[in-house]
C-alpha atoms as a PDB file:
ATOM      1  CA  MET A   1      -1.418 -27.854 -37.482  1.00  0.00           C
ATOM      2  CA  PRO A   2       1.890 -26.189 -36.425  1.00  0.00           C
ATOM      3  CA  SER A   3       0.968 -22.869 -38.046  1.00  0.00           C
ATOM      4  CA  GLU A   4      -2.366 -22.753 -36.202  1.00  0.00           C
ATOM      5  CA  HIS A   5      -0.590 -23.536 -32.950  1.00  0.00           C
ATOM      6  CA  ILE A   6       1.864 -20.697 -33.576  1.00  0.00           C
ATOM      7  CA  TYR A   7      -0.954 -18.247 -34.279  1.00  0.00           C
ATOM      8  CA  LYS A   8      -2.797 -19.244 -31.109  1.00  0.00           C
ATOM      9  CA  GLN A   9       0.386 -18.876 -29.063  1.00  0.00           C
ATOM     10  CA  TYR A  10       1.012 -15.455 -30.599  1.00  0.00           C
ATOM     11  CA  ASP A  11      -2.548 -14.317 -29.818  1.00  0.00           C
ATOM     12  CA  ALA A  12      -2.143 -15.575 -26.246  1.00  0.00           C
ATOM     13  CA  GLU A  13       1.074 -13.566 -25.863  1.00  0.00           C
ATOM     14  CA  LEU A  14      -0.609 -10.394 -27.106  1.00  0.00           C
ATOM     15  CA  GLU A  15      -3.574 -10.933 -24.805  1.00  0.00           C
ATOM     16  CA  ALA A  16      -1.282 -11.509 -21.809  1.00  0.00           C
ATOM     17  CA  VAL A  17       0.503  -8.203 -22.419  1.00  0.00           C
ATOM     18  CA  ARG A  18      -2.810  -6.436 -22.935  1.00  0.00           C
ATOM     19  CA  ALA A  19      -4.033  -7.818 -19.596  1.00  0.00           C
ATOM     20  CA  LYS A  20      -0.917  -6.470 -17.854  1.00  0.00           C
ATOM     21  CA  VAL A  21      -1.531  -3.003 -19.302  1.00  0.00           C
ATOM     22  CA  LEU A  22      -5.103  -3.062 -17.995  1.00  0.00           C
ATOM     23  CA  GLU A  23      -3.855  -4.325 -14.616  1.00  0.00           C
ATOM     24  CA  MET A  24      -1.416  -1.429 -14.508  1.00  0.00           C
ATOM     25  CA  GLY A  25      -4.240   0.949 -15.407  1.00  0.00           C
ATOM     26  CA  SER A  26      -6.419  -0.446 -12.619  1.00  0.00           C
ATOM     27  CA  LEU A  27      -3.607   0.029 -10.103  1.00  0.00           C
ATOM     28  CA  VAL A  28      -3.057   3.617 -11.177  1.00  0.00           C
ATOM     29  CA  GLU A  29      -6.765   4.396 -11.058  1.00  0.00           C
ATOM     30  CA  GLN A  30      -6.883   3.058  -7.494  1.00  0.00           C
ATOM     31  CA  GLN A  31      -3.880   5.221  -6.630  1.00  0.00           C
ATOM     32  CA  ILE A  32      -5.819   8.322  -7.683  1.00  0.00           C
ATOM     33  CA  LEU A  33      -8.864   7.329  -5.627  1.00  0.00           C
ATOM     34  CA  ASP A  34      -6.807   6.516  -2.537  1.00  0.00           C
ATOM     35  CA  ALA A  35      -4.658   9.639  -2.833  1.00  0.00           C
ATOM     36  CA  LEU A  36      -7.750  11.844  -2.947  1.00  0.00           C
ATOM     37  CA  GLU A  37      -9.371  10.013  -0.030  1.00  0.00           C
ATOM     38  CA  SER A  38      -6.174  10.258   2.014  1.00  0.00           C
ATOM     39  CA  LEU A  39      -6.310  14.019   1.464  1.00  0.00           C
ATOM     40  CA  THR A  40     -10.003  14.489   2.257  1.00  0.00           C
ATOM     41  CA  LYS A  41     -10.018  12.192   5.293  1.00  0.00           C
ATOM     42  CA  SER A  42      -6.484  12.870   6.588  1.00  0.00           C
ATOM     43  CA  ASN A  43      -5.708   9.156   6.264  1.00  0.00           C
ATOM     44  CA  THR A  44      -1.953   8.545   6.472  1.00  0.00           C
ATOM     45  CA  ASN A  45      -2.358   4.793   5.900  1.00  0.00           C
ATOM     46  CA  LEU A  46      -4.025   5.372   2.540  1.00  0.00           C
ATOM     47  CA  ALA A  47      -1.322   7.864   1.577  1.00  0.00           C
ATOM     48  CA  GLU A  48       1.336   5.282   2.420  1.00  0.00           C
ATOM     49  CA  SER A  49      -0.540   2.670   0.375  1.00  0.00           C
ATOM     50  CA  VAL A  50      -0.500   4.936  -2.674  1.00  0.00           C
ATOM     51  CA  ILE A  51       3.237   5.482  -2.321  1.00  0.00           C
ATOM     52  CA  ASN A  52       3.880   1.735  -1.956  1.00  0.00           C
ATOM     53  CA  LYS A  53       1.752   0.905  -5.019  1.00  0.00           C
ATOM     54  CA  ASP A  54       4.076   3.066  -7.106  1.00  0.00           C
ATOM     55  CA  HIS A  55       6.664   0.270  -6.954  1.00  0.00           C
ATOM     56  CA  GLU A  56       4.105  -2.198  -8.351  1.00  0.00           C
ATOM     57  CA  VAL A  57       3.239   0.209 -11.168  1.00  0.00           C
ATOM     58  CA  ASN A  58       6.894   0.671 -12.050  1.00  0.00           C
ATOM     59  CA  ALA A  59       7.460  -3.090 -12.049  1.00  0.00           C
ATOM     60  CA  LEU A  60       4.532  -3.637 -14.421  1.00  0.00           C
ATOM     61  CA  GLU A  61       5.876  -0.956 -16.752  1.00  0.00           C
ATOM     62  CA  VAL A  62       9.196  -2.814 -16.977  1.00  0.00           C
ATOM     63  CA  GLN A  63       7.438  -6.172 -17.538  1.00  0.00           C
ATOM     64  CA  VAL A  64       5.192  -4.866 -20.320  1.00  0.00           C
ATOM     65  CA  ASP A  65       8.089  -3.080 -21.999  1.00  0.00           C
ATOM     66  CA  GLU A  66      10.156  -6.280 -21.983  1.00  0.00           C
ATOM     67  CA  ASP A  67       7.238  -8.408 -23.191  1.00  0.00           C
ATOM     68  CA  CYS A  68       6.564  -6.035 -26.083  1.00  0.00           C
ATOM     69  CA  SER A  69      10.241  -6.012 -27.050  1.00  0.00           C
ATOM     70  CA  HIS A  70      10.326  -9.825 -27.086  1.00  0.00           C
ATOM     71  CA  ILE A  71       7.174 -10.059 -29.221  1.00  0.00           C
ATOM     72  CA  ILE A  72       8.571  -7.594 -31.740  1.00  0.00           C
ATOM     73  CA  ALA A  73      11.872  -9.493 -31.918  1.00  0.00           C
ATOM     74  CA  ARG A  74      10.351 -12.983 -32.176  1.00  0.00           C
ATOM     75  CA  ARG A  75       7.084 -12.430 -34.037  1.00  0.00           C
ATOM     76  CA  GLN A  76       7.847  -9.388 -36.210  1.00  0.00           C
ATOM     77  CA  PRO A  77       4.238  -8.159 -36.002  1.00  0.00           C
ATOM     78  CA  ALA A  78       2.743  -5.997 -38.724  1.00  0.00           C
ATOM     79  CA  ALA A  79      -0.290  -3.783 -39.339  1.00  0.00           C
ATOM     80  CA  SER A  80      -2.828  -3.703 -36.491  1.00  0.00           C
ATOM     81  CA  ASP A  81      -0.802  -5.984 -34.205  1.00  0.00           C
ATOM     82  CA  LEU A  82       2.234  -3.726 -34.490  1.00  0.00           C
ATOM     83  CA  ARG A  83       0.074  -0.673 -33.805  1.00  0.00           C
ATOM     84  CA  MET A  84      -1.334  -2.352 -30.698  1.00  0.00           C
ATOM     85  CA  ILE A  85       2.146  -3.110 -29.383  1.00  0.00           C
ATOM     86  CA  LEU A  86       3.377   0.423 -30.055  1.00  0.00           C
ATOM     87  CA  MET A  87       0.218   1.787 -28.415  1.00  0.00           C
ATOM     88  CA  MET A  88       0.804  -0.325 -25.294  1.00  0.00           C
ATOM     89  CA  ILE A  89       4.432   0.811 -25.030  1.00  0.00           C
ATOM     90  CA  LYS A  90       3.292   4.440 -25.125  1.00  0.00           C
ATOM     91  CA  THR A  91       0.381   3.812 -22.771  1.00  0.00           C
ATOM     92  CA  ILE A  92       2.477   2.307 -19.978  1.00  0.00           C
ATOM     93  CA  THR A  93       4.696   5.393 -20.019  1.00  0.00           C
ATOM     94  CA  ASP A  94       1.670   7.622 -19.447  1.00  0.00           C
ATOM     95  CA  LEU A  95       0.280   5.263 -16.805  1.00  0.00           C
ATOM     96  CA  GLU A  96       3.584   5.307 -14.939  1.00  0.00           C
ATOM     97  CA  ARG A  97       3.565   9.100 -14.972  1.00  0.00           C
ATOM     98  CA  ILE A  98      -0.020   9.167 -13.710  1.00  0.00           C
ATOM     99  CA  GLY A  99       1.120   6.935 -10.867  1.00  0.00           C
ATOM    100  CA  ASP A 100       3.884   9.435 -10.126  1.00  0.00           C
ATOM    101  CA  GLU A 101       1.355  12.282  -9.970  1.00  0.00           C
ATOM    102  CA  ALA A 102      -0.899  10.267  -7.628  1.00  0.00           C
ATOM    103  CA  THR A 103       2.144   9.627  -5.447  1.00  0.00           C
ATOM    104  CA  LYS A 104       2.825  13.379  -5.339  1.00  0.00           C
ATOM    105  CA  ILE A 105      -0.732  13.920  -4.088  1.00  0.00           C
ATOM    106  CA  ALA A 106      -0.239  11.244  -1.426  1.00  0.00           C
ATOM    107  CA  ARG A 107       3.013  12.843  -0.248  1.00  0.00           C
ATOM    108  CA  PHE A 108       1.254  16.215  -0.147  1.00  0.00           C
ATOM    109  CA  SER A 109      -1.444  14.593   2.003  1.00  0.00           C
ATOM    110  CA  GLN A 110       1.175  13.181   4.369  1.00  0.00           C
ATOM    111  CA  LYS A 111       2.854  16.544   4.686  1.00  0.00           C
ATOM    112  CA  THR A 112      -0.350  18.424   5.482  1.00  0.00           C
ATOM    113  CA  ILE A 113      -1.405  15.809   8.039  1.00  0.00           C
ATOM    114  CA  GLU A 114       1.987  15.727   9.760  1.00  0.00           C
ATOM    115  CA  THR A 115       2.232  19.513   9.986  1.00  0.00           C
ATOM    116  CA  ASP A 116      -1.465  19.917  10.823  1.00  0.00           C
ATOM    117  CA  ARG A 117      -1.829  22.491   8.062  1.00  0.00           C
ATOM    118  CA  MET A 118      -4.885  21.196   6.260  1.00  0.00           C
ATOM    119  CA  TRP A 119      -6.007  24.438   4.661  1.00  0.00           C
ATOM    120  CA  THR A 120      -8.268  23.951   1.682  1.00  0.00           C
ATOM    121  CA  PRO A 121      -9.914  27.183   0.533  1.00  0.00           C
ATOM    122  CA  ARG A 122     -10.212  25.687  -2.973  1.00  0.00           C
ATOM    123  CA  PHE A 123     -10.632  22.052  -2.022  1.00  0.00           C
ATOM    124  CA  ALA A 124     -14.072  21.722  -3.632  1.00  0.00           C
ATOM    125  CA  GLU A 125     -12.461  22.780  -6.905  1.00  0.00           C
ATOM    126  CA  ILE A 126      -9.569  20.360  -6.379  1.00  0.00           C
ATOM    127  CA  LYS A 127     -11.975  17.495  -5.701  1.00  0.00           C
ATOM    128  CA  THR A 128     -13.953  18.314  -8.853  1.00  0.00           C
ATOM    129  CA  MET A 129     -10.741  18.322 -10.884  1.00  0.00           C
ATOM    130  CA  ALA A 130      -9.588  15.020  -9.397  1.00  0.00           C
ATOM    131  CA  ASN A 131     -12.900  13.311 -10.159  1.00  0.00           C
ATOM    132  CA  MET A 132     -12.785  14.592 -13.754  1.00  0.00           C
ATOM    133  CA  ALA A 133      -9.223  13.352 -14.237  1.00  0.00           C
ATOM    134  CA  ARG A 134     -10.054   9.941 -12.785  1.00  0.00           C
ATOM    135  CA  GLU A 135     -13.124   9.634 -15.025  1.00  0.00           C
ATOM    136  CA  MET A 136     -11.007  10.535 -18.061  1.00  0.00           C
ATOM    137  CA  LEU A 137      -8.535   7.783 -17.186  1.00  0.00           C
ATOM    138  CA  HIS A 138     -11.321   5.264 -16.630  1.00  0.00           C
ATOM    139  CA  MET A 139     -12.859   6.109 -20.010  1.00  0.00           C
ATOM    140  CA  ALA A 140      -9.485   5.899 -21.766  1.00  0.00           C
ATOM    141  CA  LEU A 141      -8.761   2.464 -20.279  1.00  0.00           C
ATOM    142  CA  ASP A 142     -12.262   1.272 -21.166  1.00  0.00           C
ATOM    143  CA  ALA A 143     -11.721   2.529 -24.726  1.00  0.00           C
ATOM    144  CA  PHE A 144      -8.506   0.505 -24.884  1.00  0.00           C
ATOM    145  CA  ALA A 145     -10.191  -2.612 -23.493  1.00  0.00           C
ATOM    146  CA  ARG A 146     -13.008  -2.323 -26.051  1.00  0.00           C
ATOM    147  CA  SER A 147     -10.876  -0.986 -28.936  1.00  0.00           C
ATOM    148  CA  ASP A 148     -13.329   1.933 -29.089  1.00  0.00           C
ATOM    149  CA  SER A 149     -11.814   5.038 -30.669  1.00  0.00           C
ATOM    150  CA  SER A 150     -14.984   7.133 -30.371  1.00  0.00           C
ATOM    151  CA  LYS A 151     -14.318   8.037 -26.715  1.00  0.00           C
ATOM    152  CA  VAL A 152     -11.387  10.267 -27.656  1.00  0.00           C
ATOM    153  CA  LEU A 153     -13.705  13.173 -28.496  1.00  0.00           C
ATOM    154  CA  GLU A 154     -15.477  13.126 -25.132  1.00  0.00           C
ATOM    155  CA  ILE A 155     -12.161  12.789 -23.303  1.00  0.00           C
ATOM    156  CA  ALA A 156     -10.663  15.688 -25.278  1.00  0.00           C
ATOM    157  CA  GLU A 157     -13.632  17.872 -24.317  1.00  0.00           C
ATOM    158  CA  MET A 158     -13.233  16.875 -20.662  1.00  0.00           C
ATOM    159  CA  ASP A 159      -9.555  17.761 -20.869  1.00  0.00           C
ATOM    160  CA  GLN A 160     -10.471  21.257 -22.026  1.00  0.00           C
ATOM    161  CA  GLN A 161     -12.870  21.579 -19.087  1.00  0.00           C
ATOM    162  CA  LEU A 162     -10.183  20.330 -16.708  1.00  0.00           C
ATOM    163  CA  ASP A 163      -7.761  22.953 -18.026  1.00  0.00           C
ATOM    164  CA  GLU A 164     -10.402  25.627 -17.423  1.00  0.00           C
ATOM    165  CA  HIS A 165     -10.854  24.443 -13.823  1.00  0.00           C
ATOM    166  CA  TYR A 166      -7.087  24.572 -13.367  1.00  0.00           C
ATOM    167  CA  GLN A 167      -6.885  28.139 -14.636  1.00  0.00           C
ATOM    168  CA  LEU A 168      -9.793  29.109 -12.375  1.00  0.00           C
ATOM    169  CA  SER A 169      -7.989  27.593  -9.388  1.00  0.00           C
ATOM    170  CA  ILE A 170      -4.875  29.602 -10.194  1.00  0.00           C
ATOM    171  CA  ARG A 171      -6.850  32.853 -10.284  1.00  0.00           C
ATOM    172  CA  HIS A 172      -8.580  32.116  -7.000  1.00  0.00           C
ATOM    173  CA  LEU A 173      -5.371  31.106  -5.244  1.00  0.00           C
ATOM    174  CA  ILE A 174      -3.677  34.286  -6.424  1.00  0.00           C
ATOM    175  CA  THR A 175      -6.585  36.237  -4.936  1.00  0.00           C
ATOM    176  CA  PHE A 176      -6.158  34.438  -1.610  1.00  0.00           C
ATOM    177  CA  MET A 177      -2.438  35.200  -1.565  1.00  0.00           C
ATOM    178  CA  LEU A 178      -2.980  38.888  -2.355  1.00  0.00           C
ATOM    179  CA  GLU A 179      -5.659  39.250   0.293  1.00  0.00           C
ATOM    180  CA  ASP A 180      -3.736  37.414   3.012  1.00  0.00           C
ATOM    181  CA  PRO A 181       0.050  36.902   2.611  1.00  0.00           C
ATOM    182  CA  ARG A 182      -0.084  34.285   5.372  1.00  0.00           C
ATOM    183  CA  THR A 183      -1.760  31.938   2.874  1.00  0.00           C
ATOM    184  CA  ILE A 184       1.054  32.156   0.306  1.00  0.00           C
ATOM    185  CA  SER A 185       2.922  29.004   1.361  1.00  0.00           C
ATOM    186  CA  MET A 186      -0.156  26.792   1.503  1.00  0.00           C
ATOM    187  CA  SER A 187      -1.638  28.335  -1.653  1.00  0.00           C
ATOM    188  CA  LEU A 188       1.497  27.383  -3.578  1.00  0.00           C
ATOM    189  CA  GLU A 189       1.212  23.834  -2.271  1.00  0.00           C
ATOM    190  CA  VAL A 190      -2.446  23.618  -3.323  1.00  0.00           C
ATOM    191  CA  LEU A 191      -1.406  24.966  -6.729  1.00  0.00           C
ATOM    192  CA  PHE A 192       1.166  22.160  -6.924  1.00  0.00           C
ATOM    193  CA  LEU A 193      -1.659  19.715  -6.161  1.00  0.00           C
ATOM    194  CA  ALA A 194      -3.907  21.180  -8.859  1.00  0.00           C
ATOM    195  CA  LYS A 195      -1.093  20.927 -11.393  1.00  0.00           C
ATOM    196  CA  ALA A 196      -0.583  17.244 -10.583  1.00  0.00           C
ATOM    197  CA  ILE A 197      -4.272  16.595 -11.248  1.00  0.00           C
ATOM    198  CA  GLU A 198      -4.177  18.598 -14.481  1.00  0.00           C
ATOM    199  CA  ARG A 199      -1.244  16.480 -15.653  1.00  0.00           C
ATOM    200  CA  ILE A 200      -3.191  13.280 -14.916  1.00  0.00           C
ATOM    201  CA  GLY A 201      -5.863  14.541 -17.310  1.00  0.00           C
ATOM    202  CA  ASP A 202      -3.232  15.219 -19.980  1.00  0.00           C
ATOM    203  CA  HIS A 203      -1.881  11.674 -19.702  1.00  0.00           C
ATOM    204  CA  ALA A 204      -5.394  10.179 -19.839  1.00  0.00           C
ATOM    205  CA  LYS A 205      -6.054  12.170 -23.020  1.00  0.00           C
ATOM    206  CA  ASN A 206      -2.794  10.838 -24.478  1.00  0.00           C
ATOM    207  CA  ILE A 207      -3.927   7.265 -23.848  1.00  0.00           C
ATOM    208  CA  SER A 208      -7.245   7.875 -25.613  1.00  0.00           C
ATOM    209  CA  GLU A 209      -5.366   9.271 -28.617  1.00  0.00           C
ATOM    210  CA  TYR A 210      -3.197   6.137 -28.733  1.00  0.00           C
ATOM    211  CA  VAL A 211      -6.403   4.080 -28.940  1.00  0.00           C
ATOM    212  CA  VAL A 212      -7.339   5.958 -32.126  1.00  0.00           C
ATOM    213  CA  TYR A 213      -3.911   5.126 -33.554  1.00  0.00           C
ATOM    214  CA  MET A 214      -4.324   1.472 -32.584  1.00  0.00           C
ATOM    215  CA  VAL A 215      -7.809   1.144 -34.105  1.00  0.00           C
ATOM    216  CA  LYS A 216      -7.605   3.434 -37.135  1.00  0.00           C
ATOM    217  CA  GLY A 217      -3.894   3.918 -37.741  1.00  0.00           C
ATOM    218  CA  LYS A 218      -4.430   7.699 -37.432  1.00  0.00           C
ATOM    219  CA  ASP A 219      -2.258   9.991 -35.327  1.00  0.00           C
ATOM    220  CA  VAL A 220      -4.615  12.553 -33.767  1.00  0.00           C
ATOM    221  CA  ARG A 221      -2.088  14.203 -31.484  1.00  0.00           C
ATOM    222  CA  HIS A 222      -1.482  17.939 -31.875  1.00  0.00           C
ATOM    223  CA  ILE A 223      -4.505  18.569 -34.088  1.00  0.00           C
ATOM    224  CA  SER A 224      -7.575  20.732 -33.559  1.00  0.00           C
ATOM    225  CA  MET A 225     -10.848  19.390 -32.192  1.00  0.00           C
ATOM    226  CA  ASP A 226     -12.533  19.798 -35.597  1.00  0.00           C
ATOM    227  CA  GLU A 227      -9.752  17.823 -37.291  1.00  0.00           C
ATOM    228  CA  MET A 228     -10.009  15.148 -34.607  1.00  0.00           C
ATOM    229  CA  VAL A 229     -13.750  14.805 -35.206  1.00  0.00           C
ATOM    230  CA  GLU A 230     -13.125  14.264 -38.913  1.00  0.00           C
ATOM    231  CA  GLU A 231     -10.435  11.643 -38.276  1.00  0.00           C
ATOM    232  CA  VAL A 232     -12.477   9.703 -35.736  1.00  0.00           C
ATOM    233  CA  LYS A 233     -15.626   9.689 -37.857  1.00  0.00           C
ATOM    234  CA  ALA A 234     -13.758   8.732 -41.047  1.00  0.00           C
ATOM    235  CA  GLN A 235     -14.146   5.118 -42.130  1.00  0.00           C
END
């Protein structure tokens, strides 16, 4: 039947776009891993790989955006399908920005290697932050793949912990700078690195909130944790 054929084609188009979003997410997640490894192991090749992958991420963002625009124009989706498309458009923006932050880390790694100034008084803290941010992104992408809105609460709690680690890093770096002015330049650069990681966590949290919108039609941005719990648990 023609109508059945049209529905199957429409579902295939949605699934193809969804696969591209997950591909983009996988690329960005790998960027974070490689950027951190390039920093810890002084690997310039990995840093260069992260920077080069940014072009692939940007290209996928453009493709998904165009695909979503075409589906909206041709299919005029409604209800849950429209929410999924809107969610994917928002998600690719956050993924692209995560890729940008990973690229910043890679460029920082290149700079420290080239100038032989690898000074990491707070690197254990930075590594902990980076692993938390990467885990948040992985969970958010898994929630999208499974259409599971329940993960948003755990990710929101991790984001609060990540913010606490960031504030702790700031206090410690300020102490280093006060105790030894020679560390000011490098401390500011490490602070820049910590901020990039903190922003990755923010974007991962955004993606998890979009999943709630996609699944439940509820906007849980800018609300308290208690309100979020109520929204997520509501039928």
